[in-house]
Amino acid sequence: MKTISVCAGVIIKEGMVLLAKRPKGSNHAGKWEFPGGKRDGTESLWDCMKRELFEELGITVQVKRFILSHEVKEEDRHITLEFFLCGVGETQPISKEGQEFGWFPLDAVGNLELAPPDKEVLNKIIEEVKRYV
């Protein structure tokens, strides 16, 4: 079974969290998620987080702390999702890969149609973010 390591950024700015919509043709297409992506080879989790957010949204983030790890077992693969609390400066995100994105109040994220892996850990993420922000 193939194992995939994925980093996801919980990007907070002025009390809002940045989410991206899964692109057409992908698993969970059209659902919101914490942005990020697959780790390359021996790349560190922190470097993965920075690279993916720059590639997808054109933003440079400060990776502040690890939040949690979540395992997703699918029929043909095993995915390890690593969530990180990130800060972002004045740079505004742009959709470099064609996906929709938006800023949402953290407490309202549960009202959105989230990708299942993100929905499964949302309450824990909110709890951890409120502890450190």
Foldseek 3Di string as FASTA:
>chain_A
DAEWEKEFEQEDDPQWTKWWAADPPDVNHRAIDRFFTTDDDPDDNVRRRQVRCCQAWVFGKDFDAWQDWDWDDDPPYIYIYTYTYIYTDPDGTDGNPPIDMDIGRLVCSQVGRHRVRCNVCSVSNSVRVVVPD
